[in-house]
Structures are given as C-alpha cells and as structure tokens.
Amino acid sequence: MRLYDKPIKAYLHNELSAVEEHDGELIYFFEKGYVTVLGEFECEKYVGGTACIIFNQEDVISVGKGMLRFVDEEGL
C-alpha cells in the first residue's frame, strides 16, 4: 500500500453504491464528481490491478484506478 504524501484531486466518473446483503440497508453512496485520492494499492480484483483509496468528505472506499480522472497528477 502506498499512501500519498499529499492527497490528489480526481474526478469519479461513475456513481457508486453498496447495499448490505442481509437487510438491504445502504452502506455508502458516492455521487460522481470530485473526490480526494489518499493512496493506492495493488489488487487483482480491480481492472488494471491497481486500486485507489478515495474520500468524498463522508466515506472512504477503494475503487479501480481506471474509474478516476486525475486532476492533479503531480503527486503520482
């Protein structure tokens, strides 16, 4: 896992949501838009093999790096 020294701004171009399997309660909802990228890690579960840790001012989740368009790639 690699946490960035300085968070990076990126645009999430899909809305994301997760629902708990047992009671159907919504766990998180990310609207498409700008997010803060805190770091990344290698994971075969994601297309391209790299996941990013993102924060939307409420929740922190991981998404495939390909789901983001980086605004400030200076820190990469």
Protein backbone atom coordinates (compact mmCIF):
# COMPACT_ATOMS: atom_id res chain seq x y z
CA MET A 1 0.00 0.00 0.00
CA ARG A 2 1.22 3.46 -0.85
CA LEU A 3 -0.29 6.50 0.87
CA TYR A 4 0.39 9.75 -0.95
CA ASP A 5 2.38 12.48 0.82
CA LYS A 6 -0.21 14.97 -0.44
CA PRO A 7 -3.78 13.92 -1.33
CA ILE A 8 -4.67 14.21 -5.02
CA LYS A 9 -7.88 15.57 -6.50
CA ALA A 10 -9.63 13.33 -9.03
CA TYR A 11 -12.98 13.09 -10.77
CA LEU A 12 -15.02 9.93 -10.17
CA HIS A 13 -16.99 9.43 -13.39
CA ASN A 14 -19.50 6.83 -12.09
CA GLU A 15 -21.86 6.84 -9.14
CA LEU A 16 -21.13 4.04 -6.66
CA SER A 17 -23.30 2.46 -4.01
CA ALA A 18 -23.19 -0.62 -1.85
CA VAL A 19 -26.07 -2.34 -0.10
CA GLU A 20 -25.67 -4.73 2.79
CA GLU A 21 -26.77 -8.19 1.69
CA HIS A 22 -28.79 -9.24 4.74
CA ASP A 23 -31.09 -6.30 5.45
CA GLY A 24 -30.77 -4.25 2.26
CA GLU A 25 -29.50 -1.19 4.13
CA LEU A 26 -27.36 1.22 2.11
CA ILE A 27 -23.75 1.17 3.34
CA TYR A 28 -22.40 4.02 1.20
CA PHE A 29 -23.26 6.14 -1.80
CA PHE A 30 -20.69 8.09 -3.80
CA GLU A 31 -22.04 10.57 -6.34
CA LYS A 32 -19.96 11.07 -9.43
CA GLY A 33 -17.83 14.16 -9.03
CA TYR A 34 -14.63 15.29 -7.39
CA VAL A 35 -13.03 13.12 -4.69
CA THR A 36 -9.79 13.13 -2.74
CA VAL A 37 -7.40 10.26 -3.51
CA LEU A 38 -5.42 9.26 -0.42
CA GLY A 39 -3.30 6.45 -1.84
CA GLU A 40 -3.24 3.27 -3.90
CA PHE A 41 -2.53 -0.44 -3.66
CA GLU A 42 -2.15 -3.41 -5.98
CA CYS A 43 -5.19 -5.66 -6.15
CA GLU A 44 -6.13 -8.24 -8.79
CA LYS A 45 -9.83 -7.64 -8.03
CA TYR A 46 -9.70 -4.35 -9.95
CA VAL A 47 -9.25 -3.97 -13.72
CA GLY A 48 -5.67 -2.91 -14.31
CA GLY A 49 -4.56 -4.35 -10.98
CA THR A 50 -4.43 -1.05 -9.07
CA ALA A 51 -6.99 0.34 -6.63
CA CYS A 52 -7.17 3.87 -5.25
CA ILE A 53 -8.35 4.85 -1.79
CA ILE A 54 -10.83 7.71 -2.18
CA PHE A 55 -12.64 10.06 0.22
CA ASN A 56 -15.77 12.09 -0.55
CA GLN A 57 -15.93 14.11 2.69
CA GLU A 58 -18.05 11.35 4.31
CA ASP A 59 -16.79 7.87 3.45
CA VAL A 60 -13.56 6.19 2.43
CA ILE A 61 -13.63 3.32 -0.09
CA SER A 62 -11.38 1.81 -2.72
CA VAL A 63 -12.10 1.89 -6.46
CA GLY A 64 -10.24 0.78 -9.55
CA LYS A 65 -7.77 3.43 -10.70
CA GLY A 66 -9.45 3.43 -14.13
CA MET A 67 -12.64 4.87 -12.61
CA LEU A 68 -10.85 8.14 -11.83
CA ARG A 69 -9.65 11.02 -13.94
CA PHE A 70 -6.81 12.70 -12.06
CA VAL A 71 -6.89 16.48 -11.89
CA ASP A 72 -3.57 16.91 -10.10
CA GLU A 73 -1.16 14.13 -11.03
CA GLU A 74 1.86 15.92 -9.59
CA GLY A 75 1.92 13.61 -6.55
CA LEU A 76 1.82 10.38 -8.59
